[in-house]
Amino acid sequence: MKALVLSSGGVDSTTLLALAVERYSAENVIALSIYYGQKHKKELEAAGKTAEYYHVEHIETDLTDIFRFSDSTLLEGRGDIPHESYIEQVVKAGGSPVSTYVPFRNGLFLSVAASIAISKGCGVVMYGAHADDAAGNAYPDCSEEFVESMNKAIYIGSGNDLYLEAPFAGMNKTQVVAAGKRFGVPYEITWSCYEGGDEPCGKCATCLDRRAAFLANGIDLR
């Protein structure tokens, strides 16, 4: 079977890429990276490095125009990235998605991935959502309910030829990194920070989560 992996160049999707290569072998894995108008391209550069590391086909595409109506702070020119934890942001949001949520981004990503996967003869799309992102409705398109619904839609819409797999949906980031550690994932070439500086800011929520997950697994990386 061939697999298409949504690859952002971050911790979760790179761990997923390693899992896919382990399961299906590199020649049967495709990494798909999507630019959508985010503040920088550091993560896409990292995605290219991880695809090269694992010797898999790498496809890039651009959905920037679709998100031109969004005021997500993750996007270029839309305000500052919050320098606080997801827990703090979720409390302030009161059950609404956090300010870095891009409206239905992952739904669009998965639809694009499904179309490309069908055309490339894949049997599965792999998606690296995990439980921490879905907690408190911070990113509702990372929840297990969302994954289940998208899997059903993709399976039906492909004529029962393609399904969605999100093996980390019930895991937290510390558990994801623990799995990646077993696979020997090269986390030093990944990028998670929402800012686009020369070094990770260490203050945005994804930097804080990344660092905590690494330390919990005895890995001293930012």
N, C-alpha and C. Protein backbone atom coordinates (compact mmCIF):
# COMPACT_ATOMS: atom_id res chain seq x y z
N MET A 1 0.84 -1.20 0.00
CA MET A 1 0.00 0.00 0.00
C MET A 1 0.87 1.25 0.00
N LYS A 2 0.41 2.29 -0.69
CA LYS A 2 1.09 3.58 -0.67
C LYS A 2 0.37 4.51 0.30
N ALA A 3 1.14 5.37 0.97
CA ALA A 3 0.59 6.29 1.96
C ALA A 3 1.00 7.72 1.64
N LEU A 4 0.08 8.65 1.83
CA LEU A 4 0.38 10.07 1.72
C LEU A 4 0.32 10.67 3.12
N VAL A 5 1.40 11.32 3.54
CA VAL A 5 1.50 11.89 4.88
C VAL A 5 1.46 13.40 4.80
N LEU A 6 0.54 14.03 5.53
CA LEU A 6 0.56 15.49 5.65
C LEU A 6 1.77 15.87 6.50
N SER A 7 2.68 16.62 5.92
CA SER A 7 3.95 16.91 6.58
C SER A 7 4.20 18.40 6.69
N SER A 8 4.23 18.90 7.93
CA SER A 8 4.46 20.32 8.17
C SER A 8 5.91 20.63 8.50
N GLY A 9 6.70 19.59 8.76
CA GLY A 9 8.06 19.80 9.20
C GLY A 9 8.21 19.90 10.70
N GLY A 10 7.10 19.71 11.42
CA GLY A 10 7.12 19.79 12.88
C GLY A 10 7.28 18.42 13.54
N VAL A 11 7.15 18.41 14.86
CA VAL A 11 7.36 17.20 15.65
C VAL A 11 6.38 16.09 15.28
N ASP A 12 5.10 16.41 15.26
CA ASP A 12 4.08 15.38 15.10
C ASP A 12 4.10 14.76 13.71
N SER A 13 4.12 15.61 12.68
CA SER A 13 4.07 15.08 11.32
C SER A 13 5.36 14.35 10.95
N THR A 14 6.49 14.77 11.51
CA THR A 14 7.74 14.07 11.23
C THR A 14 7.77 12.72 11.92
N THR A 15 7.23 12.65 13.12
CA THR A 15 7.09 11.35 13.79
C THR A 15 6.18 10.45 12.96
N LEU A 16 5.12 11.02 12.43
CA LEU A 16 4.19 10.26 11.59
C LEU A 16 4.88 9.79 10.32
N LEU A 17 5.71 10.64 9.74
CA LEU A 17 6.44 10.26 8.53
C LEU A 17 7.36 9.06 8.81
N ALA A 18 8.02 9.11 9.96
CA ALA A 18 8.87 7.98 10.35
C ALA A 18 8.06 6.70 10.50
N LEU A 19 6.88 6.81 11.10
CA LEU A 19 6.00 5.66 11.27
C LEU A 19 5.57 5.11 9.91
N ALA A 20 5.22 6.01 8.99
CA ALA A 20 4.78 5.58 7.66
C ALA A 20 5.89 4.85 6.91
N VAL A 21 7.11 5.38 6.99
CA VAL A 21 8.25 4.74 6.33
C VAL A 21 8.53 3.37 6.94
N GLU A 22 8.42 3.29 8.26
CA GLU A 22 8.61 2.01 8.95
C GLU A 22 7.56 1.00 8.50
N ARG A 23 6.35 1.47 8.33
CA ARG A 23 5.23 0.58 8.02
C ARG A 23 5.16 0.21 6.54
N TYR A 24 5.38 1.19 5.65
CA TYR A 24 5.14 0.98 4.22
C TYR A 24 6.40 0.99 3.36
N SER A 25 7.53 1.45 3.90
CA SER A 25 8.82 1.63 3.22
C SER A 25 8.81 2.93 2.41
N ALA A 26 9.99 3.54 2.30
CA ALA A 26 10.12 4.89 1.75
C ALA A 26 9.56 5.02 0.34
N GLU A 27 9.75 4.01 -0.49
CA GLU A 27 9.29 4.12 -1.88
C GLU A 27 7.77 4.15 -2.01
N ASN A 28 7.07 3.82 -0.93
CA ASN A 28 5.60 3.83 -0.95
C ASN A 28 5.01 4.97 -0.12
N VAL A 29 5.83 5.94 0.24
CA VAL A 29 5.37 7.06 1.06
C VAL A 29 5.58 8.38 0.32
N ILE A 30 4.57 9.23 0.38
CA ILE A 30 4.62 10.58 -0.19
C ILE A 30 4.36 11.57 0.93
N ALA A 31 5.19 12.59 1.03
CA ALA A 31 4.97 13.67 2.00
C ALA A 31 4.36 14.86 1.27
N LEU A 32 3.28 15.39 1.82
CA LEU A 32 2.61 16.56 1.24
C LEU A 32 2.70 17.73 2.21
N SER A 33 3.27 18.84 1.75
CA SER A 33 3.39 20.05 2.58
C SER A 33 2.62 21.18 1.92
N ILE A 34 1.93 21.97 2.75
CA ILE A 34 1.04 23.00 2.23
C ILE A 34 1.38 24.37 2.81
N TYR A 35 1.62 25.32 1.92
CA TYR A 35 1.76 26.72 2.35
C TYR A 35 0.38 27.34 2.31
N TYR A 36 0.04 28.07 3.37
CA TYR A 36 -1.31 28.64 3.45
C TYR A 36 -1.29 30.10 3.90
N GLY A 37 -0.15 30.75 3.77
CA GLY A 37 -0.06 32.16 4.15
C GLY A 37 0.44 32.38 5.55
N GLN A 38 1.04 31.36 6.16
CA GLN A 38 1.57 31.51 7.51
C GLN A 38 2.72 32.52 7.53
N LYS A 39 3.08 32.96 8.72
CA LYS A 39 4.02 34.07 8.87
C LYS A 39 5.42 33.79 8.33
N HIS A 40 5.76 32.56 8.11
CA HIS A 40 7.10 32.22 7.64
C HIS A 40 7.06 30.89 6.91
N LYS A 41 8.18 30.54 6.26
CA LYS A 41 8.29 29.28 5.55
C LYS A 41 9.30 28.34 6.19
N LYS A 42 9.67 28.64 7.42
CA LYS A 42 10.66 27.79 8.09
C LYS A 42 10.18 26.35 8.22
N GLU A 43 8.89 26.17 8.50
CA GLU A 43 8.37 24.82 8.67
C GLU A 43 8.38 24.06 7.33
N LEU A 44 8.14 24.78 6.23
CA LEU A 44 8.18 24.11 4.93
C LEU A 44 9.61 23.71 4.56
N GLU A 45 10.55 24.54 4.95
CA GLU A 45 11.96 24.19 4.74
C GLU A 45 12.31 22.94 5.54
N ALA A 46 11.80 22.88 6.76
CA ALA A 46 12.02 21.69 7.60
C ALA A 46 11.35 20.46 7.00
N ALA A 47 10.17 20.64 6.42
CA ALA A 47 9.47 19.52 5.79
C ALA A 47 10.29 18.96 4.64
N GLY A 48 10.92 19.86 3.89
CA GLY A 48 11.78 19.41 2.80
C GLY A 48 12.96 18.61 3.31
N LYS A 49 13.53 19.06 4.42
CA LYS A 49 14.67 18.35 5.02
C LYS A 49 14.26 16.97 5.53
N THR A 50 13.08 16.89 6.14
CA THR A 50 12.65 15.59 6.68
C THR A 50 12.32 14.62 5.54
N ALA A 51 11.73 15.12 4.45
CA ALA A 51 11.44 14.27 3.30
C ALA A 51 12.74 13.75 2.69
N GLU A 52 13.74 14.62 2.61
CA GLU A 52 15.04 14.21 2.10
C GLU A 52 15.69 13.19 3.02
N TYR A 53 15.57 13.41 4.32
CA TYR A 53 16.15 12.49 5.29
C TYR A 53 15.58 11.08 5.13
N TYR A 54 14.26 11.01 4.92
CA TYR A 54 13.60 9.71 4.81
C TYR A 54 13.51 9.19 3.37
N HIS A 55 14.04 9.95 2.42
CA HIS A 55 14.09 9.54 1.02
C HIS A 55 12.70 9.25 0.45
N VAL A 56 11.77 10.15 0.74
CA VAL A 56 10.41 9.99 0.22
C VAL A 56 10.10 11.11 -0.77
N GLU A 57 9.15 10.85 -1.63
CA GLU A 57 8.67 11.87 -2.57
C GLU A 57 8.04 13.02 -1.77
N HIS A 58 8.33 14.25 -2.19
CA HIS A 58 7.81 15.41 -1.47
C HIS A 58 7.05 16.31 -2.44
N ILE A 59 5.80 16.57 -2.11
CA ILE A 59 4.94 17.44 -2.92
C ILE A 59 4.61 18.68 -2.10
N GLU A 60 4.71 19.86 -2.71
CA GLU A 60 4.31 21.11 -2.06
C GLU A 60 3.19 21.76 -2.86
N THR A 61 2.27 22.40 -2.16
CA THR A 61 1.21 23.14 -2.83
C THR A 61 0.86 24.37 -2.00
N ASP A 62 0.07 25.26 -2.57
CA ASP A 62 -0.21 26.56 -1.95
C ASP A 62 -1.71 26.81 -1.89
N LEU A 63 -2.23 27.04 -0.68
CA LEU A 63 -3.65 27.33 -0.50
C LEU A 63 -3.87 28.74 0.08
N THR A 64 -2.88 29.60 -0.07
CA THR A 64 -2.93 30.92 0.55
C THR A 64 -4.23 31.67 0.28
N ASP A 65 -4.66 31.67 -0.96
CA ASP A 65 -5.82 32.49 -1.34
C ASP A 65 -7.09 32.09 -0.60
N ILE A 66 -7.21 30.81 -0.27
CA ILE A 66 -8.43 30.34 0.40
C ILE A 66 -8.59 30.99 1.78
N PHE A 67 -7.45 31.30 2.43
CA PHE A 67 -7.51 31.81 3.80
C PHE A 67 -7.40 33.33 3.89
N ARG A 68 -7.59 34.01 2.77
CA ARG A 68 -7.42 35.46 2.77
C ARG A 68 -8.47 36.18 3.62
N PHE A 69 -9.57 35.53 3.94
CA PHE A 69 -10.61 36.15 4.76
C PHE A 69 -10.40 35.93 6.25
N SER A 70 -9.48 35.05 6.61
CA SER A 70 -9.27 34.69 8.01
C SER A 70 -8.46 35.75 8.75
N ASP A 71 -8.78 35.94 10.04
CA ASP A 71 -8.00 36.86 10.87
C ASP A 71 -7.12 36.09 11.87
N SER A 72 -6.85 34.82 11.57
CA SER A 72 -6.00 34.02 12.45
C SER A 72 -4.64 34.69 12.62
N THR A 73 -4.16 34.74 13.85
CA THR A 73 -2.85 35.35 14.11
C THR A 73 -1.70 34.50 13.57
N LEU A 74 -2.00 33.29 13.11
CA LEU A 74 -0.97 32.45 12.52
C LEU A 74 -0.58 32.93 11.12
N LEU A 75 -1.43 33.76 10.53
CA LEU A 75 -1.22 34.20 9.15
C LEU A 75 -0.46 35.50 9.06
N GLU A 76 0.21 35.69 7.94
CA GLU A 76 1.00 36.89 7.70
C GLU A 76 0.12 38.14 7.78
N GLY A 77 0.57 39.12 8.55
CA GLY A 77 -0.12 40.40 8.65
C GLY A 77 -1.38 40.40 9.48
N ARG A 78 -1.58 39.38 10.34
CA ARG A 78 -2.84 39.28 11.10
C ARG A 78 -2.65 39.47 12.59
N GLY A 79 -1.63 40.15 13.03
CA GLY A 79 -1.47 40.36 14.46
C GLY A 79 -0.38 39.49 15.05
N ASP A 80 -0.16 39.66 16.34
CA ASP A 80 0.94 38.99 17.02
C ASP A 80 0.55 37.61 17.52
N ILE A 81 1.51 36.70 17.47
CA ILE A 81 1.34 35.36 18.04
C ILE A 81 1.34 35.48 19.56
N PRO A 82 0.37 34.91 20.26
CA PRO A 82 0.37 34.95 21.72
C PRO A 82 1.59 34.25 22.31
N HIS A 83 2.21 34.87 23.27
CA HIS A 83 3.35 34.25 23.97
C HIS A 83 2.86 33.73 25.32
N GLU A 84 2.05 32.68 25.25
CA GLU A 84 1.51 32.04 26.44
C GLU A 84 1.11 30.62 26.09
N SER A 85 0.90 29.80 27.08
CA SER A 85 0.59 28.39 26.85
C SER A 85 -0.80 28.22 26.27
N TYR A 86 -1.05 27.04 25.70
CA TYR A 86 -2.38 26.74 25.19
C TYR A 86 -3.41 26.74 26.32
N ILE A 87 -3.01 26.27 27.49
CA ILE A 87 -3.94 26.24 28.62
C ILE A 87 -4.42 27.65 28.94
N GLU A 88 -3.49 28.60 28.99
CA GLU A 88 -3.86 29.99 29.24
C GLU A 88 -4.76 30.54 28.15
N GLN A 89 -4.47 30.19 26.91
CA GLN A 89 -5.28 30.68 25.79
C GLN A 89 -6.67 30.07 25.79
N VAL A 90 -6.75 28.78 26.11
CA VAL A 90 -8.05 28.10 26.14
C VAL A 90 -8.95 28.71 27.21
N VAL A 91 -8.37 29.01 28.37
CA VAL A 91 -9.15 29.64 29.44
C VAL A 91 -9.69 30.98 28.99
N LYS A 92 -8.85 31.76 28.35
CA LYS A 92 -9.28 33.08 27.86
C LYS A 92 -10.33 32.96 26.76
N ALA A 93 -10.21 31.93 25.93
CA ALA A 93 -11.14 31.75 24.81
C ALA A 93 -12.50 31.26 25.26
N GLY A 94 -12.57 30.66 26.44
CA GLY A 94 -13.84 30.22 26.99
C GLY A 94 -14.57 29.19 26.16
N GLY A 95 -13.82 28.25 25.59
CA GLY A 95 -14.44 27.19 24.81
C GLY A 95 -14.43 27.42 23.32
N SER A 96 -14.01 28.60 22.89
CA SER A 96 -13.86 28.89 21.46
C SER A 96 -12.45 28.53 21.03
N PRO A 97 -12.22 28.34 19.73
CA PRO A 97 -10.86 28.07 19.26
C PRO A 97 -9.91 29.22 19.61
N VAL A 98 -8.62 28.91 19.73
CA VAL A 98 -7.63 29.93 20.06
C VAL A 98 -7.35 30.81 18.85
N SER A 99 -6.64 31.92 19.07
CA SER A 99 -6.45 32.90 18.00
C SER A 99 -5.60 32.39 16.84
N THR A 100 -4.80 31.34 17.07
CA THR A 100 -3.98 30.80 16.00
C THR A 100 -4.72 29.71 15.20
N TYR A 101 -5.95 29.43 15.56
CA TYR A 101 -6.76 28.50 14.77
C TYR A 101 -7.06 29.12 13.41
N VAL A 102 -6.78 28.39 12.34
CA VAL A 102 -7.10 28.84 10.98
C VAL A 102 -8.36 28.09 10.55
N PRO A 103 -9.46 28.81 10.25
CA PRO A 103 -10.77 28.18 10.04
C PRO A 103 -10.76 26.98 9.09
N PHE A 104 -11.07 25.85 9.64
CA PHE A 104 -11.21 24.58 8.92
C PHE A 104 -9.98 24.24 8.08
N ARG A 105 -8.83 24.75 8.50
CA ARG A 105 -7.60 24.50 7.76
C ARG A 105 -7.35 23.02 7.53
N ASN A 106 -7.47 22.23 8.59
CA ASN A 106 -7.14 20.82 8.45
C ASN A 106 -8.17 20.06 7.61
N GLY A 107 -9.41 20.55 7.61
CA GLY A 107 -10.40 19.96 6.73
C GLY A 107 -10.03 20.17 5.27
N LEU A 108 -9.56 21.37 4.95
CA LEU A 108 -9.12 21.66 3.59
C LEU A 108 -7.86 20.88 3.25
N PHE A 109 -6.93 20.84 4.19
CA PHE A 109 -5.69 20.09 3.96
C PHE A 109 -6.00 18.62 3.64
N LEU A 110 -6.90 18.04 4.41
CA LEU A 110 -7.22 16.63 4.22
C LEU A 110 -7.96 16.38 2.91
N SER A 111 -8.78 17.34 2.50
CA SER A 111 -9.47 17.22 1.22
C SER A 111 -8.48 17.26 0.06
N VAL A 112 -7.54 18.19 0.14
CA VAL A 112 -6.49 18.28 -0.89
C VAL A 112 -5.65 17.00 -0.87
N ALA A 113 -5.28 16.56 0.34
CA ALA A 113 -4.49 15.34 0.47
C ALA A 113 -5.21 14.14 -0.13
N ALA A 114 -6.52 14.05 0.11
CA ALA A 114 -7.30 12.93 -0.43
C ALA A 114 -7.30 12.94 -1.95
N SER A 115 -7.47 14.10 -2.54
CA SER A 115 -7.48 14.21 -3.99
C SER A 115 -6.15 13.77 -4.59
N ILE A 116 -5.05 14.27 -4.01
CA ILE A 116 -3.72 13.90 -4.50
C ILE A 116 -3.45 12.42 -4.26
N ALA A 117 -3.85 11.92 -3.10
CA ALA A 117 -3.62 10.52 -2.76
C ALA A 117 -4.32 9.59 -3.75
N ILE A 118 -5.55 9.91 -4.09
CA ILE A 118 -6.29 9.09 -5.06
C ILE A 118 -5.56 9.10 -6.40
N SER A 119 -5.13 10.29 -6.83
CA SER A 119 -4.45 10.41 -8.12
C SER A 119 -3.11 9.69 -8.13
N LYS A 120 -2.47 9.60 -6.97
CA LYS A 120 -1.15 8.96 -6.87
C LYS A 120 -1.25 7.47 -6.50
N GLY A 121 -2.46 6.95 -6.40
CA GLY A 121 -2.62 5.53 -6.14
C GLY A 121 -2.40 5.12 -4.69
N CYS A 122 -2.61 6.04 -3.77
CA CYS A 122 -2.44 5.72 -2.34
C CYS A 122 -3.70 5.08 -1.77
N GLY A 123 -3.51 4.32 -0.71
CA GLY A 123 -4.65 3.71 -0.04
C GLY A 123 -4.97 4.36 1.29
N VAL A 124 -4.05 5.23 1.77
CA VAL A 124 -4.27 5.86 3.07
C VAL A 124 -3.65 7.26 3.09
N VAL A 125 -4.35 8.18 3.73
CA VAL A 125 -3.83 9.50 4.07
C VAL A 125 -3.54 9.48 5.56
N MET A 126 -2.35 9.94 5.96
CA MET A 126 -1.96 9.93 7.36
C MET A 126 -1.84 11.36 7.88
N TYR A 127 -2.41 11.59 9.05
CA TYR A 127 -2.58 12.93 9.61
C TYR A 127 -2.11 12.92 11.06
N GLY A 128 -1.26 13.89 11.44
CA GLY A 128 -0.60 13.85 12.74
C GLY A 128 -1.27 14.59 13.88
N ALA A 129 -2.57 14.77 13.83
CA ALA A 129 -3.27 15.42 14.94
C ALA A 129 -3.08 14.65 16.23
N HIS A 130 -2.98 15.37 17.37
CA HIS A 130 -2.89 14.71 18.67
C HIS A 130 -3.81 15.38 19.67
N ALA A 131 -4.00 14.74 20.80
CA ALA A 131 -5.03 15.13 21.76
C ALA A 131 -4.79 16.50 22.38
N ASP A 132 -3.54 16.90 22.57
CA ASP A 132 -3.26 18.21 23.18
C ASP A 132 -3.83 19.35 22.34
N ASP A 133 -3.73 19.22 21.02
CA ASP A 133 -4.23 20.29 20.15
C ASP A 133 -5.75 20.40 20.19
N ALA A 134 -6.41 19.27 20.40
CA ALA A 134 -7.87 19.28 20.43
C ALA A 134 -8.43 19.70 21.79
N ALA A 135 -7.62 19.63 22.84
CA ALA A 135 -8.10 19.88 24.20
C ALA A 135 -8.69 21.27 24.34
N GLY A 136 -9.83 21.33 25.01
CA GLY A 136 -10.47 22.61 25.25
C GLY A 136 -11.01 23.28 24.02
N ASN A 137 -11.14 22.53 22.93
CA ASN A 137 -11.63 23.04 21.66
C ASN A 137 -10.68 24.06 21.03
N ALA A 138 -9.39 24.00 21.42
CA ALA A 138 -8.40 24.94 20.89
C ALA A 138 -8.33 24.84 19.37
N TYR A 139 -8.19 23.61 18.89
CA TYR A 139 -8.19 23.33 17.45
C TYR A 139 -9.20 22.22 17.20
N PRO A 140 -10.45 22.55 16.94
CA PRO A 140 -11.49 21.52 16.81
C PRO A 140 -11.26 20.56 15.65
N ASP A 141 -10.48 20.98 14.66
CA ASP A 141 -10.21 20.08 13.54
C ASP A 141 -9.01 19.17 13.80
N CYS A 142 -8.71 18.98 15.09
CA CYS A 142 -7.72 17.98 15.52
C CYS A 142 -8.36 16.90 16.39
N SER A 143 -9.65 17.00 16.64
CA SER A 143 -10.32 16.09 17.57
C SER A 143 -10.55 14.72 16.95
N GLU A 144 -10.72 13.74 17.82
CA GLU A 144 -11.00 12.39 17.33
C GLU A 144 -12.32 12.34 16.58
N GLU A 145 -13.31 13.13 17.03
CA GLU A 145 -14.60 13.17 16.34
C GLU A 145 -14.44 13.70 14.92
N PHE A 146 -13.60 14.73 14.77
CA PHE A 146 -13.34 15.28 13.45
C PHE A 146 -12.65 14.26 12.56
N VAL A 147 -11.65 13.58 13.11
CA VAL A 147 -10.93 12.56 12.34
C VAL A 147 -11.88 11.46 11.87
N GLU A 148 -12.74 11.00 12.76
CA GLU A 148 -13.68 9.94 12.40
C GLU A 148 -14.61 10.39 11.28
N SER A 149 -15.09 11.63 11.37
CA SER A 149 -16.00 12.15 10.35
C SER A 149 -15.30 12.32 9.00
N MET A 150 -14.07 12.85 9.03
CA MET A 150 -13.32 13.02 7.79
C MET A 150 -12.95 11.68 7.17
N ASN A 151 -12.66 10.71 8.01
CA ASN A 151 -12.35 9.37 7.48
C ASN A 151 -13.55 8.81 6.73
N LYS A 152 -14.72 8.98 7.31
CA LYS A 152 -15.93 8.48 6.65
C LYS A 152 -16.15 9.19 5.32
N ALA A 153 -15.98 10.51 5.32
CA ALA A 153 -16.18 11.29 4.09
C ALA A 153 -15.17 10.90 3.02
N ILE A 154 -13.91 10.75 3.41
CA ILE A 154 -12.86 10.39 2.46
C ILE A 154 -13.10 8.98 1.90
N TYR A 155 -13.48 8.07 2.77
CA TYR A 155 -13.72 6.69 2.33
C TYR A 155 -14.88 6.63 1.34
N ILE A 156 -15.97 7.29 1.67
CA ILE A 156 -17.13 7.30 0.76
C ILE A 156 -16.81 8.06 -0.52
N GLY A 157 -16.19 9.23 -0.36
CA GLY A 157 -15.91 10.09 -1.51
C GLY A 157 -14.87 9.54 -2.47
N SER A 158 -14.10 8.56 -2.01
CA SER A 158 -13.09 7.94 -2.87
C SER A 158 -13.59 6.65 -3.51
N GLY A 159 -14.85 6.36 -3.30
CA GLY A 159 -15.37 5.09 -3.81
C GLY A 159 -14.85 3.91 -3.02
N ASN A 160 -14.64 4.15 -1.72
CA ASN A 160 -14.15 3.12 -0.80
C ASN A 160 -12.72 2.67 -1.09
N ASP A 161 -11.94 3.56 -1.70
CA ASP A 161 -10.56 3.21 -2.05
C ASP A 161 -9.51 3.85 -1.15
N LEU A 162 -9.92 4.82 -0.34
CA LEU A 162 -8.95 5.59 0.46
C LEU A 162 -9.51 5.82 1.85
N TYR A 163 -8.65 5.72 2.85
CA TYR A 163 -9.10 6.03 4.20
C TYR A 163 -8.10 6.94 4.90
N LEU A 164 -8.53 7.53 5.99
CA LEU A 164 -7.72 8.46 6.79
C LEU A 164 -7.28 7.76 8.06
N GLU A 165 -6.01 7.95 8.39
CA GLU A 165 -5.48 7.39 9.63
C GLU A 165 -4.79 8.50 10.42
N ALA A 166 -5.15 8.63 11.69
CA ALA A 166 -4.53 9.61 12.59
C ALA A 166 -4.13 8.88 13.87
N PRO A 167 -3.00 8.18 13.85
CA PRO A 167 -2.65 7.29 14.96
C PRO A 167 -2.34 8.00 16.26
N PHE A 168 -2.12 9.33 16.24
CA PHE A 168 -1.79 10.06 17.46
C PHE A 168 -2.98 10.80 18.05
N ALA A 169 -4.15 10.65 17.46
CA ALA A 169 -5.30 11.45 17.87
C ALA A 169 -5.68 11.25 19.34
N GLY A 170 -5.37 10.10 19.88
CA GLY A 170 -5.67 9.83 21.28
C GLY A 170 -4.46 9.97 22.20
N MET A 171 -3.36 10.52 21.67
CA MET A 171 -2.12 10.64 22.43
C MET A 171 -1.80 12.10 22.69
N ASN A 172 -1.05 12.37 23.77
CA ASN A 172 -0.56 13.73 23.97
C ASN A 172 0.82 13.87 23.32
N LYS A 173 1.35 15.08 23.33
CA LYS A 173 2.61 15.33 22.61
C LYS A 173 3.79 14.58 23.23
N THR A 174 3.79 14.44 24.54
CA THR A 174 4.85 13.68 25.19
C THR A 174 4.86 12.24 24.70
N GLN A 175 3.70 11.66 24.52
CA GLN A 175 3.60 10.30 24.01
C GLN A 175 4.03 10.21 22.55
N VAL A 176 3.71 11.24 21.79
CA VAL A 176 4.14 11.28 20.38
C VAL A 176 5.66 11.29 20.30
N VAL A 177 6.29 12.13 21.11
CA VAL A 177 7.76 12.21 21.11
C VAL A 177 8.37 10.90 21.60
N ALA A 178 7.73 10.26 22.55
CA ALA A 178 8.22 8.95 23.03
C ALA A 178 8.23 7.94 21.88
N ALA A 179 7.17 7.97 21.07
CA ALA A 179 7.12 7.08 19.91
C ALA A 179 8.22 7.44 18.91
N GLY A 180 8.40 8.74 18.68
CA GLY A 180 9.43 9.18 17.75
C GLY A 180 10.83 8.85 18.22
N LYS A 181 11.03 8.89 19.51
CA LYS A 181 12.34 8.55 20.07
C LYS A 181 12.69 7.10 19.76
N ARG A 182 11.68 6.24 19.82
CA ARG A 182 11.91 4.82 19.49
C ARG A 182 12.28 4.65 18.02
N PHE A 183 11.73 5.52 17.17
CA PHE A 183 12.03 5.46 15.74
C PHE A 183 13.31 6.21 15.37
N GLY A 184 13.89 6.92 16.34
CA GLY A 184 15.08 7.70 16.04
C GLY A 184 14.82 8.90 15.17
N VAL A 185 13.67 9.55 15.36
CA VAL A 185 13.30 10.72 14.55
C VAL A 185 14.32 11.85 14.73
N PRO A 186 14.78 12.47 13.65
CA PRO A 186 15.77 13.55 13.74
C PRO A 186 15.10 14.88 14.11
N TYR A 187 14.69 15.01 15.35
CA TYR A 187 13.95 16.20 15.76
C TYR A 187 14.75 17.49 15.61
N GLU A 188 16.07 17.37 15.54
CA GLU A 188 16.90 18.56 15.41
C GLU A 188 16.69 19.28 14.07
N ILE A 189 16.12 18.61 13.07
CA ILE A 189 15.88 19.28 11.80
C ILE A 189 14.42 19.71 11.64
N THR A 190 13.61 19.48 12.66
CA THR A 190 12.21 19.90 12.59
C THR A 190 12.06 21.34 13.07
N TRP A 191 10.91 21.93 12.74
CA TRP A 191 10.61 23.30 13.17
C TRP A 191 9.17 23.37 13.62
N SER A 192 8.93 23.93 14.81
CA SER A 192 7.57 24.05 15.35
C SER A 192 7.14 25.48 15.60
N CYS A 193 8.08 26.36 15.86
CA CYS A 193 7.78 27.73 16.29
C CYS A 193 6.89 28.48 15.31
N TYR A 194 5.91 29.20 15.86
CA TYR A 194 5.02 30.00 15.03
C TYR A 194 5.68 31.27 14.49
N GLU A 195 6.80 31.65 15.10
CA GLU A 195 7.56 32.80 14.63
C GLU A 195 8.57 32.33 13.60
N GLY A 196 9.10 33.25 12.82
CA GLY A 196 10.01 32.86 11.74
C GLY A 196 11.43 33.34 11.94
N GLY A 197 11.88 33.43 13.17
CA GLY A 197 13.23 33.91 13.44
C GLY A 197 14.30 32.88 13.12
N ASP A 198 15.55 33.28 13.36
CA ASP A 198 16.66 32.37 13.12
C ASP A 198 16.63 31.20 14.11
N GLU A 199 16.11 31.45 15.30
CA GLU A 199 15.96 30.43 16.33
C GLU A 199 14.51 30.44 16.84
N PRO A 200 14.04 29.30 17.37
CA PRO A 200 12.68 29.28 17.94
C PRO A 200 12.55 30.33 19.04
N CYS A 201 11.36 30.96 19.13
CA CYS A 201 11.16 32.03 20.11
C CYS A 201 11.16 31.50 21.54
N GLY A 202 10.73 30.25 21.72
CA GLY A 202 10.68 29.65 23.05
C GLY A 202 9.52 30.15 23.91
N LYS A 203 8.66 31.00 23.34
CA LYS A 203 7.59 31.61 24.13
C LYS A 203 6.19 31.32 23.60
N CYS A 204 6.05 31.01 22.33
CA CYS A 204 4.72 30.71 21.80
C CYS A 204 4.29 29.33 22.30
N ALA A 205 3.00 29.05 22.19
CA ALA A 205 2.46 27.82 22.78
C ALA A 205 3.09 26.56 22.19
N THR A 206 3.34 26.56 20.90
CA THR A 206 3.90 25.36 20.30
C THR A 206 5.36 25.15 20.71
N CYS A 207 6.09 26.24 20.92
CA CYS A 207 7.45 26.12 21.46
C CYS A 207 7.44 25.55 22.87
N LEU A 208 6.51 26.05 23.69
CA LEU A 208 6.41 25.58 25.07
C LEU A 208 6.04 24.10 25.13
N ASP A 209 5.08 23.69 24.30
CA ASP A 209 4.67 22.28 24.28
C ASP A 209 5.79 21.38 23.77
N ARG A 210 6.47 21.84 22.73
CA ARG A 210 7.58 21.07 22.16
C ARG A 210 8.67 20.84 23.20
N ARG A 211 9.08 21.92 23.85
CA ARG A 211 10.15 21.83 24.84
C ARG A 211 9.77 20.89 25.99
N ALA A 212 8.53 21.02 26.47
CA ALA A 212 8.07 20.17 27.58
C ALA A 212 8.06 18.70 27.19
N ALA A 213 7.60 18.41 25.96
CA ALA A 213 7.55 17.03 25.49
C ALA A 213 8.94 16.44 25.33
N PHE A 214 9.86 17.27 24.83
CA PHE A 214 11.25 16.80 24.71
C PHE A 214 11.86 16.49 26.07
N LEU A 215 11.72 17.43 27.00
CA LEU A 215 12.31 17.24 28.33
C LEU A 215 11.73 16.01 29.03
N ALA A 216 10.42 15.79 28.85
CA ALA A 216 9.78 14.63 29.46
C ALA A 216 10.35 13.31 28.92
N ASN A 217 10.97 13.39 27.73
CA ASN A 217 11.56 12.20 27.11
C ASN A 217 13.09 12.23 27.14
N GLY A 218 13.65 13.13 27.98
CA GLY A 218 15.09 13.18 28.12
C GLY A 218 15.82 13.73 26.90
N ILE A 219 15.15 14.57 26.13
CA ILE A 219 15.74 15.17 24.92
C ILE A 219 15.95 16.66 25.19
N ASP A 220 17.16 17.13 25.04
CA ASP A 220 17.47 18.54 25.34
C ASP A 220 17.54 19.33 24.03
N LEU A 221 16.35 19.64 23.50
CA LEU A 221 16.24 20.45 22.29
C LEU A 221 15.19 21.53 22.51
N ARG A 222 15.31 22.62 21.78
CA ARG A 222 14.26 23.65 21.80
C ARG A 222 13.24 23.35 20.72
